[in-house]
Amino acid sequence: MKKNDDTNYEKIKVENRKGRYASTTERRRVVWEDVMWPLIMDLDKSYFTLEEYRIKRNEVCKSKNFIPKQISGGFISLLHKGIIKHEEKLYSIHYKLIPYIRNKVDLDYGTALRETHS
């Protein structure tokens, strides 16, 4: 019985704590699927301003009970991955993702990553 209790404790401990890379990927996924792609689909263009991003981010944070600081790392990480580009005062998505806007496709993070790195 003692051994079973220890096993359950370890299982709960592993489920509640994610590694550094899993947390970063989760933040990128949340930012892409809940903020970035809906923003791009709402604007119906491949670029946006920082103010437009912040407005959408704040809406999502209110509805999902996030603090903007919690997901800010996901935005920066998308920049580092090359999915989002920064040009002067505008941000834009990778050029390979533009056809998805035209076709009104619900683009998940995994597909966006594969398209930009192929």
PDB file of N, CA and C in Angstrom:
ATOM      1  N   MET A   1       0.812  -1.184   0.000  1.00  0.00           N
ATOM      2  CA  MET A   1       0.000   0.000   0.000  1.00  0.00           C
ATOM      3  C   MET A   1       0.862   1.258   0.000  1.00  0.00           C
ATOM      4  N   LYS A   2       1.934   1.249   0.709  1.00  0.00           N
ATOM      5  CA  LYS A   2       2.855   2.385   0.749  1.00  0.00           C
ATOM      6  C   LYS A   2       3.448   2.636  -0.640  1.00  0.00           C
ATOM      7  N   LYS A   3       3.811   1.555  -1.331  1.00  0.00           N
ATOM      8  CA  LYS A   3       4.414   1.691  -2.655  1.00  0.00           C
ATOM      9  C   LYS A   3       3.409   2.303  -3.637  1.00  0.00           C
ATOM     10  N   ASN A   4       2.152   1.909  -3.574  1.00  0.00           N
ATOM     11  CA  ASN A   4       1.119   2.444  -4.446  1.00  0.00           C
ATOM     12  C   ASN A   4       0.921   3.941  -4.191  1.00  0.00           C
ATOM     13  N   ASP A   5       0.950   4.353  -2.932  1.00  0.00           N
ATOM     14  CA  ASP A   5       0.816   5.773  -2.598  1.00  0.00           C
ATOM     15  C   ASP A   5       1.957   6.581  -3.194  1.00  0.00           C
ATOM     16  N   ASP A   6       3.182   6.046  -3.123  1.00  0.00           N
ATOM     17  CA  ASP A   6       4.345   6.732  -3.691  1.00  0.00           C
ATOM     18  C   ASP A   6       4.219   6.857  -5.208  1.00  0.00           C
ATOM     19  N   THR A   7       3.719   5.802  -5.850  1.00  0.00           N
ATOM     20  CA  THR A   7       3.548   5.824  -7.305  1.00  0.00           C
ATOM     21  C   THR A   7       2.540   6.886  -7.706  1.00  0.00           C
ATOM     22  N   ASN A   8       1.418   6.970  -6.993  1.00  0.00           N
ATOM     23  CA  ASN A   8       0.413   7.989  -7.288  1.00  0.00           C
ATOM     24  C   ASN A   8       0.965   9.395  -7.079  1.00  0.00           C
ATOM     25  N   TYR A   9       1.763   9.572  -6.030  1.00  0.00           N
ATOM     26  CA  TYR A   9       2.360  10.873  -5.754  1.00  0.00           C
ATOM     27  C   TYR A   9       3.287  11.286  -6.900  1.00  0.00           C
ATOM     28  N   GLU A  10       4.126  10.361  -7.346  1.00  0.00           N
ATOM     29  CA  GLU A  10       5.044  10.657  -8.444  1.00  0.00           C
ATOM     30  C   GLU A  10       4.281  10.983  -9.723  1.00  0.00           C
ATOM     31  N   LYS A  11       3.191  10.266  -9.963  1.00  0.00           N
ATOM     32  CA  LYS A  11       2.388  10.493 -11.159  1.00  0.00           C
ATOM     33  C   LYS A  11       1.771  11.891 -11.133  1.00  0.00           C
ATOM     34  N   ILE A  12       1.235  12.295  -9.997  1.00  0.00           N
ATOM     35  CA  ILE A  12       0.645  13.623  -9.856  1.00  0.00           C
ATOM     36  C   ILE A  12       1.726  14.688  -9.994  1.00  0.00           C
ATOM     37  N   LYS A  13       2.875  14.447  -9.402  1.00  0.00           N
ATOM     38  CA  LYS A  13       3.976  15.394  -9.456  1.00  0.00           C
ATOM     39  C   LYS A  13       4.417  15.636 -10.907  1.00  0.00           C
ATOM     40  N   VAL A  14       4.507  14.567 -11.687  1.00  0.00           N
ATOM     41  CA  VAL A  14       4.915  14.678 -13.088  1.00  0.00           C
ATOM     42  C   VAL A  14       3.848  15.405 -13.903  1.00  0.00           C
ATOM     43  N   GLU A  15       2.563  15.137 -13.655  1.00  0.00           N
ATOM     44  CA  GLU A  15       1.489  15.766 -14.416  1.00  0.00           C
ATOM     45  C   GLU A  15       1.405  17.265 -14.151  1.00  0.00           C
ATOM     46  N   ASN A  16       1.694  17.690 -12.923  1.00  0.00           N
ATOM     47  CA  ASN A  16       1.552  19.096 -12.563  1.00  0.00           C
ATOM     48  C   ASN A  16       2.738  19.950 -12.976  1.00  0.00           C
ATOM     49  N   ARG A  17       3.882  19.359 -13.166  1.00  0.00           N
ATOM     50  CA  ARG A  17       5.078  20.131 -13.465  1.00  0.00           C
ATOM     51  C   ARG A  17       5.582  19.786 -14.858  1.00  0.00           C
ATOM     52  N   LYS A  18       5.702  20.782 -15.676  1.00  0.00           N
ATOM     53  CA  LYS A  18       6.193  20.560 -17.030  1.00  0.00           C
ATOM     54  C   LYS A  18       7.627  21.028 -17.115  1.00  0.00           C
ATOM     55  N   GLY A  19       8.331  20.469 -18.053  1.00  0.00           N
ATOM     56  CA  GLY A  19       9.692  20.908 -18.294  1.00  0.00           C
ATOM     57  C   GLY A  19       9.718  22.254 -18.990  1.00  0.00           C
ATOM     58  N   ARG A  20      10.899  22.803 -19.090  1.00  0.00           N
ATOM     59  CA  ARG A  20      11.062  24.127 -19.690  1.00  0.00           C
ATOM     60  C   ARG A  20      10.592  24.158 -21.136  1.00  0.00           C
ATOM     61  N   TYR A  21      10.943  23.158 -21.903  1.00  0.00           N
ATOM     62  CA  TYR A  21      10.591  23.145 -23.323  1.00  0.00           C
ATOM     63  C   TYR A  21       9.093  22.916 -23.533  1.00  0.00           C
ATOM     64  N   ALA A  22       8.483  22.103 -22.694  1.00  0.00           N
ATOM     65  CA  ALA A  22       7.039  21.867 -22.799  1.00  0.00           C
ATOM     66  C   ALA A  22       6.267  23.136 -22.468  1.00  0.00           C
ATOM     67  N   SER A  23       6.711  23.880 -21.487  1.00  0.00           N
ATOM     68  CA  SER A  23       6.039  25.132 -21.119  1.00  0.00           C
ATOM     69  C   SER A  23       6.162  26.158 -22.235  1.00  0.00           C
ATOM     70  N   THR A  24       7.329  26.260 -22.831  1.00  0.00           N
ATOM     71  CA  THR A  24       7.537  27.210 -23.924  1.00  0.00           C
ATOM     72  C   THR A  24       6.669  26.857 -25.119  1.00  0.00           C
ATOM     73  N   THR A  25       6.606  25.579 -25.454  1.00  0.00           N
ATOM     74  CA  THR A  25       5.771  25.140 -26.568  1.00  0.00           C
ATOM     75  C   THR A  25       4.306  25.417 -26.278  1.00  0.00           C
ATOM     76  N   GLU A  26       3.884  25.186 -25.057  1.00  0.00           N
ATOM     77  CA  GLU A  26       2.489  25.440 -24.696  1.00  0.00           C
ATOM     78  C   GLU A  26       2.156  26.923 -24.816  1.00  0.00           C
ATOM     79  N   ARG A  27       3.068  27.789 -24.375  1.00  0.00           N
ATOM     80  CA  ARG A  27       2.835  29.227 -24.495  1.00  0.00           C
ATOM     81  C   ARG A  27       2.749  29.646 -25.958  1.00  0.00           C
ATOM     82  N   ARG A  28       3.645  29.118 -26.793  1.00  0.00           N
ATOM     83  CA  ARG A  28       3.590  29.428 -28.229  1.00  0.00           C
ATOM     84  C   ARG A  28       2.274  28.977 -28.820  1.00  0.00           C
ATOM     85  N   ARG A  29       1.858  27.786 -28.469  1.00  0.00           N
ATOM     86  CA  ARG A  29       0.604  27.235 -28.994  1.00  0.00           C
ATOM     87  C   ARG A  29      -0.593  28.097 -28.569  1.00  0.00           C
ATOM     88  N   VAL A  30      -0.647  28.501 -27.320  1.00  0.00           N
ATOM     89  CA  VAL A  30      -1.749  29.331 -26.829  1.00  0.00           C
ATOM     90  C   VAL A  30      -1.764  30.670 -27.556  1.00  0.00           C
ATOM     91  N   VAL A  31      -0.603  31.297 -27.683  1.00  0.00           N
ATOM     92  CA  VAL A  31      -0.540  32.592 -28.360  1.00  0.00           C
ATOM     93  C   VAL A  31      -0.957  32.447 -29.816  1.00  0.00           C
ATOM     94  N   TRP A  32      -0.472  31.412 -30.488  1.00  0.00           N
ATOM     95  CA  TRP A  32      -0.805  31.246 -31.902  1.00  0.00           C
ATOM     96  C   TRP A  32      -2.287  30.938 -32.098  1.00  0.00           C
ATOM     97  N   GLU A  33      -2.793  29.940 -31.389  1.00  0.00           N
ATOM     98  CA  GLU A  33      -4.150  29.458 -31.644  1.00  0.00           C
ATOM     99  C   GLU A  33      -5.239  30.332 -31.035  1.00  0.00           C
ATOM    100  N   ASP A  34      -4.939  31.032 -29.957  1.00  0.00           N
ATOM    101  CA  ASP A  34      -5.970  31.832 -29.296  1.00  0.00           C
ATOM    102  C   ASP A  34      -5.855  33.326 -29.565  1.00  0.00           C
ATOM    103  N   VAL A  35      -4.660  33.799 -29.921  1.00  0.00           N
ATOM    104  CA  VAL A  35      -4.471  35.235 -30.120  1.00  0.00           C
ATOM    105  C   VAL A  35      -4.101  35.556 -31.563  1.00  0.00           C
ATOM    106  N   MET A  36      -2.977  35.036 -32.032  1.00  0.00           N
ATOM    107  CA  MET A  36      -2.425  35.443 -33.329  1.00  0.00           C
ATOM    108  C   MET A  36      -3.329  35.078 -34.506  1.00  0.00           C
ATOM    109  N   TRP A  37      -3.636  33.812 -34.640  1.00  0.00           N
ATOM    110  CA  TRP A  37      -4.406  33.402 -35.813  1.00  0.00           C
ATOM    111  C   TRP A  37      -5.810  34.005 -35.829  1.00  0.00           C
ATOM    112  N   PRO A  38      -6.541  34.027 -34.693  1.00  0.00           N
ATOM    113  CA  PRO A  38      -7.836  34.716 -34.703  1.00  0.00           C
ATOM    114  C   PRO A  38      -7.700  36.208 -35.045  1.00  0.00           C
ATOM    115  N   LEU A  39      -6.633  36.855 -34.575  1.00  0.00           N
ATOM    116  CA  LEU A  39      -6.403  38.257 -34.905  1.00  0.00           C
ATOM    117  C   LEU A  39      -6.207  38.426 -36.407  1.00  0.00           C
ATOM    118  N   ILE A  40      -5.391  37.594 -36.997  1.00  0.00           N
ATOM    119  CA  ILE A  40      -5.129  37.668 -38.434  1.00  0.00           C
ATOM    120  C   ILE A  40      -6.395  37.394 -39.230  1.00  0.00           C
ATOM    121  N   MET A  41      -7.189  36.423 -38.788  1.00  0.00           N
ATOM    122  CA  MET A  41      -8.437  36.126 -39.487  1.00  0.00           C
ATOM    123  C   MET A  41      -9.440  37.274 -39.339  1.00  0.00           C
ATOM    124  N   ASP A  42      -9.473  37.919 -38.176  1.00  0.00           N
ATOM    125  CA  ASP A  42     -10.362  39.066 -37.977  1.00  0.00           C
ATOM    126  C   ASP A  42      -9.958  40.240 -38.860  1.00  0.00           C
ATOM    127  N   LEU A  43      -8.652  40.494 -38.948  1.00  0.00           N
ATOM    128  CA  LEU A  43      -8.153  41.606 -39.751  1.00  0.00           C
ATOM    129  C   LEU A  43      -8.193  41.292 -41.244  1.00  0.00           C
ATOM    130  N   ASP A  44      -8.134  40.012 -41.580  1.00  0.00           N
ATOM    131  CA  ASP A  44      -8.109  39.532 -42.966  1.00  0.00           C
ATOM    132  C   ASP A  44      -6.925  40.107 -43.745  1.00  0.00           C
ATOM    133  N   LYS A  45      -5.787  40.143 -43.061  1.00  0.00           N
ATOM    134  CA  LYS A  45      -4.537  40.558 -43.705  1.00  0.00           C
ATOM    135  C   LYS A  45      -3.383  39.881 -42.979  1.00  0.00           C
ATOM    136  N   SER A  46      -2.227  39.853 -43.606  1.00  0.00           N
ATOM    137  CA  SER A  46      -1.101  39.094 -43.064  1.00  0.00           C
ATOM    138  C   SER A  46      -0.230  39.896 -42.110  1.00  0.00           C
ATOM    139  N   TYR A  47      -0.609  41.105 -41.793  1.00  0.00           N
ATOM    140  CA  TYR A  47       0.196  41.938 -40.905  1.00  0.00           C
ATOM    141  C   TYR A  47      -0.709  42.618 -39.871  1.00  0.00           C
ATOM    142  N   PHE A  48      -0.083  43.090 -38.807  1.00  0.00           N
ATOM    143  CA  PHE A  48      -0.826  43.727 -37.717  1.00  0.00           C
ATOM    144  C   PHE A  48       0.119  44.634 -36.951  1.00  0.00           C
ATOM    145  N   THR A  49      -0.448  45.541 -36.178  1.00  0.00           N
ATOM    146  CA  THR A  49       0.357  46.416 -35.334  1.00  0.00           C
ATOM    147  C   THR A  49       0.427  45.828 -33.928  1.00  0.00           C
ATOM    148  N   LEU A  50       1.335  46.357 -33.164  1.00  0.00           N
ATOM    149  CA  LEU A  50       1.468  45.905 -31.785  1.00  0.00           C
ATOM    150  C   LEU A  50       0.211  46.246 -30.978  1.00  0.00           C
ATOM    151  N   GLU A  51      -0.396  47.366 -31.276  1.00  0.00           N
ATOM    152  CA  GLU A  51      -1.620  47.769 -30.575  1.00  0.00           C
ATOM    153  C   GLU A  51      -2.765  46.795 -30.868  1.00  0.00           C
ATOM    154  N   GLU A  52      -2.899  46.373 -32.122  1.00  0.00           N
ATOM    155  CA  GLU A  52      -3.935  45.396 -32.482  1.00  0.00           C
ATOM    156  C   GLU A  52      -3.706  44.081 -31.754  1.00  0.00           C
ATOM    157  N   TYR A  53      -2.436  43.683 -31.669  1.00  0.00           N
ATOM    158  CA  TYR A  53      -2.094  42.460 -30.942  1.00  0.00           C
ATOM    159  C   TYR A  53      -2.473  42.589 -29.468  1.00  0.00           C
ATOM    160  N   ARG A  54      -2.136  43.702 -28.867  1.00  0.00           N
ATOM    161  CA  ARG A  54      -2.402  43.890 -27.435  1.00  0.00           C
ATOM    162  C   ARG A  54      -3.893  43.866 -27.121  1.00  0.00           C
ATOM    163  N   ILE A  55      -4.682  44.463 -27.978  1.00  0.00           N
ATOM    164  CA  ILE A  55      -6.131  44.459 -27.773  1.00  0.00           C
ATOM    165  C   ILE A  55      -6.659  43.025 -27.789  1.00  0.00           C
ATOM    166  N   LYS A  56      -6.247  42.253 -28.795  1.00  0.00           N
ATOM    167  CA  LYS A  56      -6.690  40.853 -28.909  1.00  0.00           C
ATOM    168  C   LYS A  56      -6.173  40.026 -27.738  1.00  0.00           C
ATOM    169  N   ARG A  57      -4.906  40.233 -27.369  1.00  0.00           N
ATOM    170  CA  ARG A  57      -4.310  39.501 -26.246  1.00  0.00           C
ATOM    171  C   ARG A  57      -5.080  39.764 -24.964  1.00  0.00           C
ATOM    172  N   ASN A  58      -5.434  41.016 -24.710  1.00  0.00           N
ATOM    173  CA  ASN A  58      -6.167  41.366 -23.489  1.00  0.00           C
ATOM    174  C   ASN A  58      -7.556  40.736 -23.471  1.00  0.00           C
ATOM    175  N   GLU A  59      -8.211  40.669 -24.631  1.00  0.00           N
ATOM    176  CA  GLU A  59      -9.517  40.000 -24.715  1.00  0.00           C
ATOM    177  C   GLU A  59      -9.381  38.525 -24.347  1.00  0.00           C
ATOM    178  N   VAL A  60      -8.377  37.872 -24.908  1.00  0.00           N
ATOM    179  CA  VAL A  60      -8.159  36.443 -24.647  1.00  0.00           C
ATOM    180  C   VAL A  60      -7.782  36.226 -23.178  1.00  0.00           C
ATOM    181  N   CYS A  61      -6.933  37.081 -22.658  1.00  0.00           N
ATOM    182  CA  CYS A  61      -6.521  36.941 -21.260  1.00  0.00           C
ATOM    183  C   CYS A  61      -7.702  37.074 -20.313  1.00  0.00           C
ATOM    184  N   LYS A  62      -8.630  37.988 -20.619  1.00  0.00           N
ATOM    185  CA  LYS A  62      -9.823  38.144 -19.789  1.00  0.00           C
ATOM    186  C   LYS A  62     -10.697  36.898 -19.838  1.00  0.00           C
ATOM    187  N   SER A  63     -10.902  36.375 -21.038  1.00  0.00           N
ATOM    188  CA  SER A  63     -11.812  35.237 -21.188  1.00  0.00           C
ATOM    189  C   SER A  63     -11.220  33.935 -20.657  1.00  0.00           C
ATOM    190  N   LYS A  64      -9.903  33.786 -20.693  1.00  0.00           N
ATOM    191  CA  LYS A  64      -9.272  32.530 -20.265  1.00  0.00           C
ATOM    192  C   LYS A  64      -8.553  32.645 -18.930  1.00  0.00           C
ATOM    193  N   ASN A  65      -8.707  33.778 -18.265  1.00  0.00           N
ATOM    194  CA  ASN A  65      -8.070  34.015 -16.958  1.00  0.00           C
ATOM    195  C   ASN A  65      -6.557  33.860 -16.992  1.00  0.00           C
ATOM    196  N   PHE A  66      -5.937  34.449 -18.003  1.00  0.00           N
ATOM    197  CA  PHE A  66      -4.484  34.517 -18.085  1.00  0.00           C
ATOM    198  C   PHE A  66      -4.046  35.915 -17.684  1.00  0.00           C
ATOM    199  N   ILE A  67      -2.811  36.014 -17.272  1.00  0.00           N
ATOM    200  CA  ILE A  67      -2.182  37.308 -17.086  1.00  0.00           C
ATOM    201  C   ILE A  67      -1.363  37.538 -18.361  1.00  0.00           C
ATOM    202  N   PRO A  68      -1.427  38.734 -18.962  1.00  0.00           N
ATOM    203  CA  PRO A  68      -0.680  38.972 -20.204  1.00  0.00           C
ATOM    204  C   PRO A  68       0.794  38.575 -20.108  1.00  0.00           C
ATOM    205  N   LYS A  69       1.377  38.756 -18.947  1.00  0.00           N
ATOM    206  CA  LYS A  69       2.783  38.399 -18.765  1.00  0.00           C
ATOM    207  C   LYS A  69       3.014  36.890 -18.947  1.00  0.00           C
ATOM    208  N   GLN A  70       2.003  36.070 -18.633  1.00  0.00           N
ATOM    209  CA  GLN A  70       2.134  34.623 -18.754  1.00  0.00           C
ATOM    210  C   GLN A  70       2.321  34.188 -20.200  1.00  0.00           C
ATOM    211  N   ILE A  71       1.703  34.901 -21.135  1.00  0.00           N
ATOM    212  CA  ILE A  71       1.788  34.465 -22.524  1.00  0.00           C
ATOM    213  C   ILE A  71       2.697  35.346 -23.380  1.00  0.00           C
ATOM    214  N   SER A  72       3.298  36.366 -22.769  1.00  0.00           N
ATOM    215  CA  SER A  72       4.179  37.238 -23.547  1.00  0.00           C
ATOM    216  C   SER A  72       5.385  36.475 -24.081  1.00  0.00           C
ATOM    217  N   GLY A  73       5.841  35.500 -23.346  1.00  0.00           N
ATOM    218  CA  GLY A  73       6.958  34.678 -23.813  1.00  0.00           C
ATOM    219  C   GLY A  73       6.612  33.900 -25.064  1.00  0.00           C
ATOM    220  N   GLY A  74       5.352  33.552 -25.221  1.00  0.00           N
ATOM    221  CA  GLY A  74       4.917  32.833 -26.419  1.00  0.00           C
ATOM    222  C   GLY A  74       5.026  33.695 -27.660  1.00  0.00           C
ATOM    223  N   PHE A  75       4.709  34.982 -27.544  1.00  0.00           N
ATOM    224  CA  PHE A  75       4.830  35.907 -28.669  1.00  0.00           C
ATOM    225  C   PHE A  75       6.290  36.058 -29.080  1.00  0.00           C
ATOM    226  N   ILE A  76       7.150  36.251 -28.103  1.00  0.00           N
ATOM    227  CA  ILE A  76       8.583  36.391 -28.376  1.00  0.00           C
ATOM    228  C   ILE A  76       9.134  35.115 -28.995  1.00  0.00           C
ATOM    229  N   SER A  77       8.680  33.988 -28.506  1.00  0.00           N
ATOM    230  CA  SER A  77       9.125  32.712 -29.033  1.00  0.00           C
ATOM    231  C   SER A  77       8.685  32.509 -30.485  1.00  0.00           C
ATOM    232  N   LEU A  78       7.477  32.973 -30.833  1.00  0.00           N
ATOM    233  CA  LEU A  78       7.024  32.898 -32.227  1.00  0.00           C
ATOM    234  C   LEU A  78       7.901  33.759 -33.128  1.00  0.00           C
ATOM    235  N   LEU A  79       8.378  34.880 -32.610  1.00  0.00           N
ATOM    236  CA  LEU A  79       9.321  35.714 -33.366  1.00  0.00           C
ATOM    237  C   LEU A  79      10.634  34.969 -33.600  1.00  0.00           C
ATOM    238  N   HIS A  80      11.137  34.320 -32.562  1.00  0.00           N
ATOM    239  CA  HIS A  80      12.390  33.575 -32.678  1.00  0.00           C
ATOM    240  C   HIS A  80      12.268  32.394 -33.631  1.00  0.00           C
ATOM    241  N   LYS A  81      11.107  31.764 -33.645  1.00  0.00           N
ATOM    242  CA  LYS A  81      10.879  30.620 -34.540  1.00  0.00           C
ATOM    243  C   LYS A  81      10.722  31.047 -35.999  1.00  0.00           C
ATOM    244  N   GLY A  82      10.464  32.324 -36.235  1.00  0.00           N
ATOM    245  CA  GLY A  82      10.300  32.810 -37.596  1.00  0.00           C
ATOM    246  C   GLY A  82       8.875  32.730 -38.123  1.00  0.00           C
ATOM    247  N   ILE A  83       7.930  32.383 -37.279  1.00  0.00           N
ATOM    248  CA  ILE A  83       6.534  32.319 -37.699  1.00  0.00           C
ATOM    249  C   ILE A  83       5.988  33.744 -37.844  1.00  0.00           C
ATOM    250  N   ILE A  84       6.471  34.632 -36.987  1.00  0.00           N
ATOM    251  CA  ILE A  84       6.117  36.047 -37.051  1.00  0.00           C
ATOM    252  C   ILE A  84       7.382  36.828 -37.352  1.00  0.00           C
ATOM    253  N   LYS A  85       7.266  37.836 -38.202  1.00  0.00           N
ATOM    254  CA  LYS A  85       8.396  38.711 -38.553  1.00  0.00           C
ATOM    255  C   LYS A  85       8.092  40.124 -38.068  1.00  0.00           C
ATOM    256  N   HIS A  86       9.131  40.842 -37.683  1.00  0.00           N
ATOM    257  CA  HIS A  86       8.994  42.229 -37.248  1.00  0.00           C
ATOM    258  C   HIS A  86       9.643  43.139 -38.279  1.00  0.00           C
ATOM    259  N   GLU A  87       8.858  44.064 -38.802  1.00  0.00           N
ATOM    260  CA  GLU A  87       9.347  45.011 -39.797  1.00  0.00           C
ATOM    261  C   GLU A  87       8.895  46.408 -39.400  1.00  0.00           C
ATOM    262  N   GLU A  88       9.815  47.237 -38.965  1.00  0.00           N
ATOM    263  CA  GLU A  88       9.536  48.595 -38.479  1.00  0.00           C
ATOM    264  C   GLU A  88       8.413  48.583 -37.443  1.00  0.00           C
ATOM    265  N   LYS A  89       7.240  49.147 -37.763  1.00  0.00           N
ATOM    266  CA  LYS A  89       6.152  49.210 -36.778  1.00  0.00           C
ATOM    267  C   LYS A  89       5.118  48.121 -36.979  1.00  0.00           C
ATOM    268  N   LEU A  90       5.341  47.244 -37.938  1.00  0.00           N
ATOM    269  CA  LEU A  90       4.383  46.181 -38.232  1.00  0.00           C
ATOM    270  C   LEU A  90       4.976  44.811 -37.949  1.00  0.00           C
ATOM    271  N   TYR A  91       4.087  43.902 -37.608  1.00  0.00           N
ATOM    272  CA  TYR A  91       4.447  42.498 -37.488  1.00  0.00           C
ATOM    273  C   TYR A  91       3.689  41.771 -38.588  1.00  0.00           C
ATOM    274  N   SER A  92       4.304  40.740 -39.141  1.00  0.00           N
ATOM    275  CA  SER A  92       3.626  39.979 -40.189  1.00  0.00           C
ATOM    276  C   SER A  92       3.892  38.497 -39.979  1.00  0.00           C
ATOM    277  N   ILE A  93       3.053  37.684 -40.587  1.00  0.00           N
ATOM    278  CA  ILE A  93       3.254  36.242 -40.502  1.00  0.00           C
ATOM    279  C   ILE A  93       4.153  35.806 -41.648  1.00  0.00           C
ATOM    280  N   HIS A  94       4.695  34.620 -41.543  1.00  0.00           N
ATOM    281  CA  HIS A  94       5.556  34.046 -42.567  1.00  0.00           C
ATOM    282  C   HIS A  94       4.791  33.972 -43.891  1.00  0.00           C
ATOM    283  N   TYR A  95       5.479  34.235 -44.983  1.00  0.00           N
ATOM    284  CA  TYR A  95       4.811  34.292 -46.290  1.00  0.00           C
ATOM    285  C   TYR A  95       4.151  32.979 -46.699  1.00  0.00           C
ATOM    286  N   LYS A  96       4.634  31.856 -46.191  1.00  0.00           N
ATOM    287  CA  LYS A  96       4.036  30.565 -46.549  1.00  0.00           C
ATOM    288  C   LYS A  96       2.665  30.346 -45.900  1.00  0.00           C
ATOM    289  N   LEU A  97       2.309  31.186 -44.942  1.00  0.00           N
ATOM    290  CA  LEU A  97       1.023  31.050 -44.255  1.00  0.00           C
ATOM    291  C   LEU A  97      -0.073  31.902 -44.887  1.00  0.00           C
ATOM    292  N   ILE A  98       0.289  32.782 -45.807  1.00  0.00           N
ATOM    293  CA  ILE A  98      -0.684  33.681 -46.430  1.00  0.00           C
ATOM    294  C   ILE A  98      -1.795  32.936 -47.171  1.00  0.00           C
ATOM    295  N   PRO A  99      -1.516  31.854 -47.906  1.00  0.00           N
ATOM    296  CA  PRO A  99      -2.629  31.138 -48.560  1.00  0.00           C
ATOM    297  C   PRO A  99      -3.695  30.624 -47.588  1.00  0.00           C
ATOM    298  N   TYR A 100      -3.316  30.347 -46.352  1.00  0.00           N
ATOM    299  CA  TYR A 100      -4.282  29.892 -45.353  1.00  0.00           C
ATOM    300  C   TYR A 100      -5.270  31.007 -44.994  1.00  0.00           C
ATOM    301  N   ILE A 101      -4.819  32.260 -45.064  1.00  0.00           N
ATOM    302  CA  ILE A 101      -5.721  33.390 -44.811  1.00  0.00           C
ATOM    303  C   ILE A 101      -6.748  33.474 -45.933  1.00  0.00           C
ATOM    304  N   ARG A 102      -6.255  33.371 -47.154  1.00  0.00           N
ATOM    305  CA  ARG A 102      -7.152  33.476 -48.313  1.00  0.00           C
ATOM    306  C   ARG A 102      -8.220  32.394 -48.303  1.00  0.00           C
ATOM    307  N   ASN A 103      -7.841  31.194 -47.861  1.00  0.00           N
ATOM    308  CA  ASN A 103      -8.778  30.070 -47.844  1.00  0.00           C
ATOM    309  C   ASN A 103      -9.582  29.977 -46.554  1.00  0.00           C
ATOM    310  N   LYS A 104      -9.366  30.907 -45.624  1.00  0.00           N
ATOM    311  CA  LYS A 104     -10.092  30.939 -44.341  1.00  0.00           C
ATOM    312  C   LYS A 104      -9.971  29.623 -43.565  1.00  0.00           C
ATOM    313  N   VAL A 105      -8.759  29.097 -43.528  1.00  0.00           N
ATOM    314  CA  VAL A 105      -8.488  27.825 -42.846  1.00  0.00           C
ATOM    315  C   VAL A 105      -8.150  28.093 -41.384  1.00  0.00           C
ATOM    316  N   ASP A 106      -8.655  27.253 -40.487  1.00  0.00           N
ATOM    317  CA  ASP A 106      -8.299  27.327 -39.073  1.00  0.00           C
ATOM    318  C   ASP A 106      -6.933  26.669 -38.908  1.00  0.00           C
ATOM    319  N   LEU A 107      -5.901  27.464 -38.833  1.00  0.00           N
ATOM    320  CA  LEU A 107      -4.519  26.972 -38.846  1.00  0.00           C
ATOM    321  C   LEU A 107      -4.010  26.749 -37.431  1.00  0.00           C
ATOM    322  N   ASP A 108      -3.720  25.509 -37.088  1.00  0.00           N
ATOM    323  CA  ASP A 108      -3.192  25.232 -35.756  1.00  0.00           C
ATOM    324  C   ASP A 108      -1.679  25.465 -35.727  1.00  0.00           C
ATOM    325  N   TYR A 109      -1.124  25.469 -34.524  1.00  0.00           N
ATOM    326  CA  TYR A 109       0.286  25.778 -34.341  1.00  0.00           C
ATOM    327  C   TYR A 109       1.191  24.763 -35.028  1.00  0.00           C
ATOM    328  N   GLY A 110       0.865  23.490 -34.939  1.00  0.00           N
ATOM    329  CA  GLY A 110       1.700  22.448 -35.538  1.00  0.00           C
ATOM    330  C   GLY A 110       1.824  22.613 -37.050  1.00  0.00           C
ATOM    331  N   THR A 111       0.723  22.915 -37.704  1.00  0.00           N
ATOM    332  CA  THR A 111       0.743  23.116 -39.151  1.00  0.00           C
ATOM    333  C   THR A 111       1.530  24.371 -39.495  1.00  0.00           C
ATOM    334  N   ALA A 112       1.347  25.431 -38.740  1.00  0.00           N
ATOM    335  CA  ALA A 112       2.088  26.673 -38.977  1.00  0.00           C
ATOM    336  C   ALA A 112       3.583  26.444 -38.852  1.00  0.00           C
ATOM    337  N   LEU A 113       3.978  25.692 -37.859  1.00  0.00           N
ATOM    338  CA  LEU A 113       5.389  25.395 -37.654  1.00  0.00           C
ATOM    339  C   LEU A 113       5.954  24.557 -38.802  1.00  0.00           C
ATOM    340  N   ARG A 114       5.227  23.539 -39.210  1.00  0.00           N
ATOM    341  CA  ARG A 114       5.683  22.700 -40.325  1.00  0.00           C
ATOM    342  C   ARG A 114       5.797  23.492 -41.623  1.00  0.00           C
ATOM    343  N   GLU A 115       4.827  24.348 -41.870  1.00  0.00           N
ATOM    344  CA  GLU A 115       4.843  25.142 -43.112  1.00  0.00           C
ATOM    345  C   GLU A 115       6.023  26.110 -43.145  1.00  0.00           C
ATOM    346  N   THR A 116       6.322  26.720 -42.039  1.00  0.00           N
ATOM    347  CA  THR A 116       7.393  27.718 -42.022  1.00  0.00           C
ATOM    348  C   THR A 116       8.785  27.105 -41.984  1.00  0.00           C
ATOM    349  N   HIS A 117       8.877  25.853 -41.613  1.00  0.00           N
ATOM    350  CA  HIS A 117      10.193  25.209 -41.525  1.00  0.00           C
ATOM    351  C   HIS A 117      10.394  24.135 -42.585  1.00  0.00           C
ATOM    352  N   SER A 118       9.554  24.117 -43.611  1.00  0.00           N
ATOM    353  CA  SER A 118       9.730  23.095 -44.659  1.00  0.00           C
ATOM    354  C   SER A 118      10.512  23.645 -45.827  1.00  0.00           C
TER     355      SER A 118
END
